[in-house]
Amino acid sequence: SMDRQLAELKTLVQQSNENSRQANTSMAVLDSGIRDRINEQMKNLVGPVAGLNGKLEQMTSEFQTVRNSVDDLTSRMKRLEAQIGDLSSAIKIMQAPPPPPGASASGGSASGPAPPAEQLYQNALRDRSGGNLDLSMQGFSEYLRYYDKTDLAPNAQFYIGMNYYDKGDFPAAITSFDTVVEKYGETSKSPDATYMKGMALLKAGQRNEAGKEFLNVIQKYPKSEVAPKAREQRKALGLSVPSAQAAPHKKRR
């Protein structure tokens, strides 16, 4: 009887061992299956995440392109505004009554009646565009002789300085650009005149003085079209470049 019971117990133990082995095998299979599913899910996630990163980079690039386009549009609008200002000044000159014979617009006397202001100014501009700097200089000088109180007088003085600059007479150009600001105060040509004075000083070998003029442009006219050029010139000279901050315009007298 005891032998029979021992035999039955042995059989039960063997069955328990077999069940344990089967359970271990099932656990191993289940574990392998879970790991395979996890790896598969990870692989499936890598693609979308990479695609999302690519889309983010594309959106960043497109946003930068839009921003550059807006900056370019803003710059064009500023140039258009300046051109409208020049056109408005020219219209005012055309609408102004001509001075009496023998008298200039500035109150002086002349040998004869003054030529039309618009004709003088446009002829001088055309001569400059055609490379006739001497004729252009003569035309702008004559314009200032008769119409030095008009809105286009600072422009005429500026172009006289540009003619000197293009001819390589940098001392005379510096004097002319100074006159634009000193005589006529703050006008639409003040930033350009200040920047070109710096360029004339640079061409004349006065690097330190040129750097000061470029700094004046950056500080006084940070939103002008020549401000970025002034920053580049200071960088080329190895000088510090302040950040662009709008500064209140103080009228020079």
C-alpha atoms as a PDB file:
ATOM      1  CA  SER A   1       0.000   0.000   0.000  1.00  0.00           C
ATOM      2  CA  MET A   2       2.810   2.368   0.845  1.00  0.00           C
ATOM      3  CA  ASP A   3       4.619   1.486  -2.355  1.00  0.00           C
ATOM      4  CA  ARG A   4       1.465   2.262  -4.294  1.00  0.00           C
ATOM      5  CA  GLN A   5       1.059   5.627  -2.569  1.00  0.00           C
ATOM      6  CA  LEU A   6       4.682   6.486  -3.190  1.00  0.00           C
ATOM      7  CA  ALA A   7       4.246   5.614  -6.826  1.00  0.00           C
ATOM      8  CA  GLU A   8       1.172   7.864  -7.047  1.00  0.00           C
ATOM      9  CA  LEU A   9       3.010  10.686  -5.272  1.00  0.00           C
ATOM     10  CA  LYS A  10       5.919  10.294  -7.673  1.00  0.00           C
ATOM     11  CA  THR A  11       3.520  10.528 -10.553  1.00  0.00           C
ATOM     12  CA  LEU A  12       1.985  13.705  -9.126  1.00  0.00           C
ATOM     13  CA  VAL A  13       5.429  15.242  -8.639  1.00  0.00           C
ATOM     14  CA  GLN A  14       6.357  14.424 -12.222  1.00  0.00           C
ATOM     15  CA  GLN A  15       3.112  15.957 -13.433  1.00  0.00           C
ATOM     16  CA  SER A  16       3.800  19.080 -11.328  1.00  0.00           C
ATOM     17  CA  ASN A  17       7.279  19.352 -12.828  1.00  0.00           C
ATOM     18  CA  GLU A  18       5.869  18.949 -16.314  1.00  0.00           C
ATOM     19  CA  ASN A  19       3.252  21.612 -15.640  1.00  0.00           C
ATOM     20  CA  SER A  20       5.966  23.905 -14.270  1.00  0.00           C
ATOM     21  CA  ARG A  21       8.080  23.397 -17.397  1.00  0.00           C
ATOM     22  CA  GLN A  22       5.089  24.122 -19.587  1.00  0.00           C
ATOM     23  CA  ALA A  23       4.331  27.257 -17.543  1.00  0.00           C
ATOM     24  CA  ASN A  24       7.931  28.416 -17.888  1.00  0.00           C
ATOM     25  CA  THR A  25       7.787  27.789 -21.616  1.00  0.00           C
ATOM     26  CA  SER A  26       4.546  29.739 -21.888  1.00  0.00           C
ATOM     27  CA  MET A  27       6.032  32.620 -19.869  1.00  0.00           C
ATOM     28  CA  ALA A  28       9.097  32.664 -22.103  1.00  0.00           C
ATOM     29  CA  VAL A  29       6.902  32.715 -25.204  1.00  0.00           C
ATOM     30  CA  LEU A  30       4.727  35.460 -23.710  1.00  0.00           C
ATOM     31  CA  ASP A  31       7.785  37.504 -22.735  1.00  0.00           C
ATOM     32  CA  SER A  32       9.250  37.162 -26.214  1.00  0.00           C
ATOM     33  CA  GLY A  33       5.954  38.174 -27.744  1.00  0.00           C
ATOM     34  CA  ILE A  34       5.683  41.245 -25.509  1.00  0.00           C
ATOM     35  CA  ARG A  35       9.247  42.294 -26.344  1.00  0.00           C
ATOM     36  CA  ASP A  36       8.583  41.857 -30.053  1.00  0.00           C
ATOM     37  CA  ARG A  37       5.440  43.986 -29.801  1.00  0.00           C
ATOM     38  CA  ILE A  38       7.283  46.697 -27.863  1.00  0.00           C
ATOM     39  CA  ASN A  39      10.102  46.762 -30.416  1.00  0.00           C
ATOM     40  CA  GLU A  40       7.574  46.904 -33.236  1.00  0.00           C
ATOM     41  CA  GLN A  41       5.743  49.804 -31.577  1.00  0.00           C
ATOM     42  CA  MET A  42       9.039  51.650 -31.050  1.00  0.00           C
ATOM     43  CA  LYS A  43       9.896  51.220 -34.709  1.00  0.00           C
ATOM     44  CA  ASN A  44       6.470  52.522 -35.662  1.00  0.00           C
ATOM     45  CA  LEU A  45       6.967  55.591 -33.446  1.00  0.00           C
ATOM     46  CA  VAL A  46      10.422  56.471 -34.797  1.00  0.00           C
ATOM     47  CA  GLY A  47       9.067  57.266 -38.258  1.00  0.00           C
ATOM     48  CA  PRO A  48       6.337  59.724 -37.187  1.00  0.00           C
ATOM     49  CA  VAL A  49       8.660  61.460 -34.719  1.00  0.00           C
ATOM     50  CA  ALA A  50      11.315  61.872 -37.407  1.00  0.00           C
ATOM     51  CA  GLY A  51       8.652  63.139 -39.800  1.00  0.00           C
ATOM     52  CA  LEU A  52       7.443  65.604 -37.178  1.00  0.00           C
ATOM     53  CA  ASN A  53      10.971  66.928 -36.707  1.00  0.00           C
ATOM     54  CA  GLY A  54      11.290  67.340 -40.460  1.00  0.00           C
ATOM     55  CA  LYS A  55       8.007  69.240 -40.622  1.00  0.00           C
ATOM     56  CA  LEU A  56       9.096  71.500 -37.766  1.00  0.00           C
ATOM     57  CA  GLU A  57      12.348  72.293 -39.574  1.00  0.00           C
ATOM     58  CA  GLN A  58      10.416  72.976 -42.785  1.00  0.00           C
ATOM     59  CA  MET A  59       8.005  75.286 -40.947  1.00  0.00           C
ATOM     60  CA  THR A  60      10.948  77.115 -39.351  1.00  0.00           C
ATOM     61  CA  SER A  61      12.538  77.605 -42.773  1.00  0.00           C
ATOM     62  CA  GLU A  62       9.250  78.814 -44.269  1.00  0.00           C
ATOM     63  CA  PHE A  63       8.732  81.217 -41.368  1.00  0.00           C
ATOM     64  CA  GLN A  64      12.217  82.649 -41.886  1.00  0.00           C
ATOM     65  CA  THR A  65      11.455  83.091 -45.576  1.00  0.00           C
ATOM     66  CA  VAL A  66       8.224  84.937 -44.726  1.00  0.00           C
ATOM     67  CA  ARG A  67      10.081  87.113 -42.238  1.00  0.00           C
ATOM     68  CA  ASN A  68      12.727  87.999 -44.838  1.00  0.00           C
ATOM     69  CA  SER A  69       9.955  88.847 -47.302  1.00  0.00           C
ATOM     70  CA  VAL A  70       8.298  91.123 -44.736  1.00  0.00           C
ATOM     71  CA  ASP A  71      11.629  92.861 -44.031  1.00  0.00           C
ATOM     72  CA  ASP A  72      12.174  93.343 -47.757  1.00  0.00           C
ATOM     73  CA  LEU A  73       8.650  94.713 -48.145  1.00  0.00           C
ATOM     74  CA  THR A  74       9.227  97.107 -45.243  1.00  0.00           C
ATOM     75  CA  SER A  75      12.449  98.335 -46.848  1.00  0.00           C
ATOM     76  CA  ARG A  76      10.660  98.870 -50.161  1.00  0.00           C
ATOM     77  CA  MET A  77       7.873 100.762 -48.432  1.00  0.00           C
ATOM     78  CA  LYS A  78      10.420 103.064 -46.806  1.00  0.00           C
ATOM     79  CA  ARG A  79      12.050 103.743 -50.172  1.00  0.00           C
ATOM     80  CA  LEU A  80       8.629 104.392 -51.686  1.00  0.00           C
ATOM     81  CA  GLU A  81       7.800 106.767 -48.828  1.00  0.00           C
ATOM     82  CA  ALA A  82      11.023 108.693 -49.477  1.00  0.00           C
ATOM     83  CA  GLN A  83      10.242 108.877 -53.192  1.00  0.00           C
ATOM     84  CA  ILE A  84       6.739 110.118 -52.436  1.00  0.00           C
ATOM     85  CA  GLY A  85       8.264 112.788 -50.185  1.00  0.00           C
ATOM     86  CA  ASP A  86      10.588 113.905 -52.994  1.00  0.00           C
ATOM     87  CA  LEU A  87       7.675 113.923 -55.446  1.00  0.00           C
ATOM     88  CA  SER A  88       5.558 115.947 -53.037  1.00  0.00           C
ATOM     89  CA  SER A  89       8.361 118.470 -52.641  1.00  0.00           C
ATOM     90  CA  ALA A  90       8.747 118.693 -56.403  1.00  0.00           C
ATOM     91  CA  ILE A  91       5.004 119.297 -56.798  1.00  0.00           C
ATOM     92  CA  LYS A  92       5.168 122.067 -54.193  1.00  0.00           C
ATOM     93  CA  ILE A  93       7.983 123.679 -56.139  1.00  0.00           C
ATOM     94  CA  MET A  94       6.034 123.432 -59.386  1.00  0.00           C
ATOM     95  CA  GLN A  95       2.958 124.970 -57.742  1.00  0.00           C
ATOM     96  CA  ALA A  96       4.936 127.805 -56.131  1.00  0.00           C
ATOM     97  CA  PRO A  97       4.710 131.115 -58.002  1.00  0.00           C
ATOM     98  CA  PRO A  98       7.928 132.064 -59.830  1.00  0.00           C
ATOM     99  CA  PRO A  99      10.087 134.756 -58.184  1.00  0.00           C
ATOM    100  CA  PRO A 100       9.934 138.238 -59.632  1.00  0.00           C
ATOM    101  CA  PRO A 101      12.516 139.114 -62.279  1.00  0.00           C
ATOM    102  CA  GLY A 102      15.841 140.120 -60.802  1.00  0.00           C
ATOM    103  CA  ALA A 103      15.215 138.452 -57.410  1.00  0.00           C
ATOM    104  CA  SER A 104      16.029 134.928 -56.170  1.00  0.00           C
ATOM    105  CA  ALA A 105      13.953 132.727 -53.913  1.00  0.00           C
ATOM    106  CA  SER A 106      16.361 133.445 -51.067  1.00  0.00           C
ATOM    107  CA  GLY A 107      15.903 137.188 -51.355  1.00  0.00           C
ATOM    108  CA  GLY A 108      19.107 137.932 -53.244  1.00  0.00           C
ATOM    109  CA  SER A 109      19.420 139.620 -56.598  1.00  0.00           C
ATOM    110  CA  ALA A 110      20.224 137.958 -59.887  1.00  0.00           C
ATOM    111  CA  SER A 111      21.176 139.162 -63.316  1.00  0.00           C
ATOM    112  CA  GLY A 112      17.870 137.916 -64.766  1.00  0.00           C
ATOM    113  CA  PRO A 113      14.733 135.939 -63.991  1.00  0.00           C
ATOM    114  CA  ALA A 114      15.336 132.643 -62.215  1.00  0.00           C
ATOM    115  CA  PRO A 115      14.916 129.479 -64.293  1.00  0.00           C
ATOM    116  CA  PRO A 116      12.050 127.195 -63.261  1.00  0.00           C
ATOM    117  CA  ALA A 117      12.972 125.258 -60.124  1.00  0.00           C
ATOM    118  CA  GLU A 118      11.769 121.881 -61.405  1.00  0.00           C
ATOM    119  CA  GLN A 119      13.672 122.285 -64.666  1.00  0.00           C
ATOM    120  CA  LEU A 120      16.923 123.159 -62.870  1.00  0.00           C
ATOM    121  CA  TYR A 121      16.620 120.231 -60.455  1.00  0.00           C
ATOM    122  CA  GLN A 122      15.638 117.610 -63.035  1.00  0.00           C
ATOM    123  CA  ASN A 123      18.338 118.731 -65.489  1.00  0.00           C
ATOM    124  CA  ALA A 124      20.975 118.457 -62.750  1.00  0.00           C
ATOM    125  CA  LEU A 125      19.721 114.971 -61.826  1.00  0.00           C
ATOM    126  CA  ARG A 126      19.758 113.895 -65.466  1.00  0.00           C
ATOM    127  CA  ASP A 127      23.325 115.166 -65.904  1.00  0.00           C
ATOM    128  CA  ARG A 128      24.405 113.237 -62.829  1.00  0.00           C
ATOM    129  CA  SER A 129      22.729 110.039 -64.056  1.00  0.00           C
ATOM    130  CA  GLY A 130      24.491 110.483 -67.388  1.00  0.00           C
ATOM    131  CA  GLY A 131      27.883 110.864 -65.734  1.00  0.00           C
ATOM    132  CA  ASN A 132      28.201 114.603 -66.482  1.00  0.00           C
ATOM    133  CA  LEU A 133      29.283 115.467 -62.947  1.00  0.00           C
ATOM    134  CA  ASP A 134      30.530 118.968 -63.741  1.00  0.00           C
ATOM    135  CA  LEU A 135      27.260 119.936 -65.436  1.00  0.00           C
ATOM    136  CA  SER A 136      25.330 118.333 -62.596  1.00  0.00           C
ATOM    137  CA  MET A 137      27.361 120.290 -60.051  1.00  0.00           C
ATOM    138  CA  GLN A 138      26.660 123.499 -61.922  1.00  0.00           C
ATOM    139  CA  GLY A 139      22.935 122.733 -62.116  1.00  0.00           C
ATOM    140  CA  PHE A 140      22.538 121.964 -58.405  1.00  0.00           C
ATOM    141  CA  SER A 141      24.611 125.016 -57.470  1.00  0.00           C
ATOM    142  CA  GLU A 142      22.387 127.197 -59.619  1.00  0.00           C
ATOM    143  CA  TYR A 143      19.314 125.611 -58.037  1.00  0.00           C
ATOM    144  CA  LEU A 144      20.604 126.504 -54.572  1.00  0.00           C
ATOM    145  CA  ARG A 145      21.441 130.030 -55.720  1.00  0.00           C
ATOM    146  CA  TYR A 146      17.791 130.652 -56.531  1.00  0.00           C
ATOM    147  CA  TYR A 147      15.879 128.136 -54.398  1.00  0.00           C
ATOM    148  CA  ASP A 148      17.899 127.413 -51.261  1.00  0.00           C
ATOM    149  CA  LYS A 149      14.761 127.716 -49.063  1.00  0.00           C
ATOM    150  CA  THR A 150      12.754 124.993 -50.804  1.00  0.00           C
ATOM    151  CA  ASP A 151      12.154 121.417 -49.639  1.00  0.00           C
ATOM    152  CA  LEU A 152      14.505 120.036 -52.276  1.00  0.00           C
ATOM    153  CA  ALA A 153      17.405 122.279 -51.304  1.00  0.00           C
ATOM    154  CA  PRO A 154      18.920 119.654 -48.921  1.00  0.00           C
ATOM    155  CA  ASN A 155      18.707 117.094 -51.721  1.00  0.00           C
ATOM    156  CA  ALA A 156      20.519 119.404 -54.104  1.00  0.00           C
ATOM    157  CA  GLN A 157      23.254 120.024 -51.536  1.00  0.00           C
ATOM    158  CA  PHE A 158      23.554 116.270 -50.937  1.00  0.00           C
ATOM    159  CA  TYR A 159      23.999 115.555 -54.643  1.00  0.00           C
ATOM    160  CA  ILE A 160      26.679 118.222 -54.840  1.00  0.00           C
ATOM    161  CA  GLY A 161      28.523 116.247 -52.169  1.00  0.00           C
ATOM    162  CA  MET A 162      27.954 113.016 -54.116  1.00  0.00           C
ATOM    163  CA  ASN A 163      29.405 114.624 -57.233  1.00  0.00           C
ATOM    164  CA  TYR A 164      32.514 115.644 -55.299  1.00  0.00           C
ATOM    165  CA  TYR A 165      32.723 112.121 -53.852  1.00  0.00           C
ATOM    166  CA  ASP A 166      32.469 110.509 -57.291  1.00  0.00           C
ATOM    167  CA  LYS A 167      35.139 112.886 -58.617  1.00  0.00           C
ATOM    168  CA  GLY A 168      37.479 111.849 -55.774  1.00  0.00           C
ATOM    169  CA  ASP A 169      37.481 115.287 -54.102  1.00  0.00           C
ATOM    170  CA  PHE A 170      36.823 113.913 -50.635  1.00  0.00           C
ATOM    171  CA  PRO A 171      37.560 117.089 -48.584  1.00  0.00           C
ATOM    172  CA  ALA A 172      35.003 119.026 -50.657  1.00  0.00           C
ATOM    173  CA  ALA A 173      32.555 116.126 -50.344  1.00  0.00           C
ATOM    174  CA  ILE A 174      32.920 116.142 -46.545  1.00  0.00           C
ATOM    175  CA  THR A 175      32.188 119.875 -46.446  1.00  0.00           C
ATOM    176  CA  SER A 176      29.127 119.448 -48.675  1.00  0.00           C
ATOM    177  CA  PHE A 177      27.685 116.598 -46.587  1.00  0.00           C
ATOM    178  CA  ASP A 178      28.262 118.662 -43.452  1.00  0.00           C
ATOM    179  CA  THR A 179      26.305 121.513 -45.013  1.00  0.00           C
ATOM    180  CA  VAL A 180      23.288 119.252 -45.578  1.00  0.00           C
ATOM    181  CA  VAL A 181      22.831 118.818 -41.821  1.00  0.00           C
ATOM    182  CA  GLU A 182      24.339 122.041 -40.502  1.00  0.00           C
ATOM    183  CA  LYS A 183      22.403 124.364 -42.799  1.00  0.00           C
ATOM    184  CA  TYR A 184      19.118 122.524 -43.309  1.00  0.00           C
ATOM    185  CA  GLY A 185      18.769 120.620 -40.020  1.00  0.00           C
ATOM    186  CA  GLU A 186      17.083 117.203 -39.866  1.00  0.00           C
ATOM    187  CA  THR A 187      15.629 116.235 -43.257  1.00  0.00           C
ATOM    188  CA  SER A 188      15.107 113.030 -45.196  1.00  0.00           C
ATOM    189  CA  LYS A 189      18.678 113.377 -46.487  1.00  0.00           C
ATOM    190  CA  SER A 190      20.306 113.705 -43.052  1.00  0.00           C
ATOM    191  CA  PRO A 191      20.992 109.948 -42.619  1.00  0.00           C
ATOM    192  CA  ASP A 192      22.432 109.644 -46.138  1.00  0.00           C
ATOM    193  CA  ALA A 193      24.568 112.751 -45.707  1.00  0.00           C
ATOM    194  CA  THR A 194      25.954 111.514 -42.377  1.00  0.00           C
ATOM    195  CA  TYR A 195      26.757 108.089 -43.811  1.00  0.00           C
ATOM    196  CA  MET A 196      28.383 109.507 -46.946  1.00  0.00           C
ATOM    197  CA  LYS A 197      30.435 111.892 -44.810  1.00  0.00           C
ATOM    198  CA  GLY A 198      31.765 108.805 -43.044  1.00  0.00           C
ATOM    199  CA  MET A 199      32.560 107.175 -46.392  1.00  0.00           C
ATOM    200  CA  ALA A 200      34.361 110.312 -47.602  1.00  0.00           C
ATOM    201  CA  LEU A 201      36.389 110.422 -44.367  1.00  0.00           C
ATOM    202  CA  LEU A 202      37.244 106.748 -44.854  1.00  0.00           C
ATOM    203  CA  LYS A 203      38.383 107.369 -48.434  1.00  0.00           C
ATOM    204  CA  ALA A 204      40.455 110.303 -47.170  1.00  0.00           C
ATOM    205  CA  GLY A 205      42.247 108.000 -44.722  1.00  0.00           C
ATOM    206  CA  GLN A 206      40.577 109.359 -41.567  1.00  0.00           C
ATOM    207  CA  ARG A 207      39.458 105.995 -40.185  1.00  0.00           C
ATOM    208  CA  ASN A 208      38.725 107.139 -36.625  1.00  0.00           C
ATOM    209  CA  GLU A 209      36.586 110.072 -37.759  1.00  0.00           C
ATOM    210  CA  ALA A 210      34.812 107.837 -40.252  1.00  0.00           C
ATOM    211  CA  GLY A 211      33.991 105.369 -37.476  1.00  0.00           C
ATOM    212  CA  LYS A 212      32.446 108.182 -35.423  1.00  0.00           C
ATOM    213  CA  GLU A 213      30.181 109.192 -38.310  1.00  0.00           C
ATOM    214  CA  PHE A 214      29.065 105.596 -38.836  1.00  0.00           C
ATOM    215  CA  LEU A 215      28.276 105.431 -35.119  1.00  0.00           C
ATOM    216  CA  ASN A 216      26.209 108.626 -35.449  1.00  0.00           C
ATOM    217  CA  VAL A 217      24.169 106.957 -38.192  1.00  0.00           C
ATOM    218  CA  ILE A 218      23.528 103.860 -36.061  1.00  0.00           C
ATOM    219  CA  GLN A 219      22.560 105.832 -32.956  1.00  0.00           C
ATOM    220  CA  LYS A 220      20.585 108.701 -34.530  1.00  0.00           C
ATOM    221  CA  TYR A 221      19.003 106.918 -37.491  1.00  0.00           C
ATOM    222  CA  PRO A 222      18.715 103.221 -36.489  1.00  0.00           C
ATOM    223  CA  LYS A 223      15.706 102.668 -38.765  1.00  0.00           C
ATOM    224  CA  SER A 224      17.226 104.288 -41.854  1.00  0.00           C
ATOM    225  CA  GLU A 225      18.289 102.338 -44.928  1.00  0.00           C
ATOM    226  CA  VAL A 226      21.957 103.285 -44.393  1.00  0.00           C
ATOM    227  CA  ALA A 227      22.082 102.046 -40.771  1.00  0.00           C
ATOM    228  CA  PRO A 228      22.918  98.421 -41.790  1.00  0.00           C
ATOM    229  CA  LYS A 229      25.645  99.754 -44.100  1.00  0.00           C
ATOM    230  CA  ALA A 230      27.081 101.815 -41.242  1.00  0.00           C
ATOM    231  CA  ARG A 231      27.171  98.692 -39.049  1.00  0.00           C
ATOM    232  CA  GLU A 232      29.027  96.785 -41.762  1.00  0.00           C
ATOM    233  CA  GLN A 233      31.547  99.594 -42.133  1.00  0.00           C
ATOM    234  CA  ARG A 234      32.226  99.621 -38.378  1.00  0.00           C
ATOM    235  CA  LYS A 235      32.694  95.848 -38.452  1.00  0.00           C
ATOM    236  CA  ALA A 236      35.138  96.206 -41.341  1.00  0.00           C
ATOM    237  CA  LEU A 237      37.056  98.803 -39.301  1.00  0.00           C
ATOM    238  CA  GLY A 238      37.207  96.411 -36.348  1.00  0.00           C
ATOM    239  CA  LEU A 239      35.028  98.664 -34.190  1.00  0.00           C
ATOM    240  CA  SER A 240      32.197  97.702 -31.868  1.00  0.00           C
ATOM    241  CA  VAL A 241      28.681  97.795 -33.281  1.00  0.00           C
ATOM    242  CA  PRO A 242      25.888  98.820 -30.871  1.00  0.00           C
ATOM    243  CA  SER A 243      22.534  97.107 -31.083  1.00  0.00           C
ATOM    244  CA  ALA A 244      19.849  98.742 -33.186  1.00  0.00           C
ATOM    245  CA  GLN A 245      17.670 100.842 -30.906  1.00  0.00           C
ATOM    246  CA  ALA A 246      15.445 103.676 -31.930  1.00  0.00           C
ATOM    247  CA  ALA A 247      16.859 106.924 -30.607  1.00  0.00           C
ATOM    248  CA  PRO A 248      14.896 110.168 -30.409  1.00  0.00           C
ATOM    249  CA  HIS A 249      15.868 112.578 -33.143  1.00  0.00           C
ATOM    250  CA  LYS A 250      17.377 115.781 -31.871  1.00  0.00           C
ATOM    251  CA  LYS A 251      17.268 118.561 -34.348  1.00  0.00           C
ATOM    252  CA  ARG A 252      20.715 119.979 -35.114  1.00  0.00           C
ATOM    253  CA  ARG A 253      20.894 123.690 -35.593  1.00  0.00           C
END
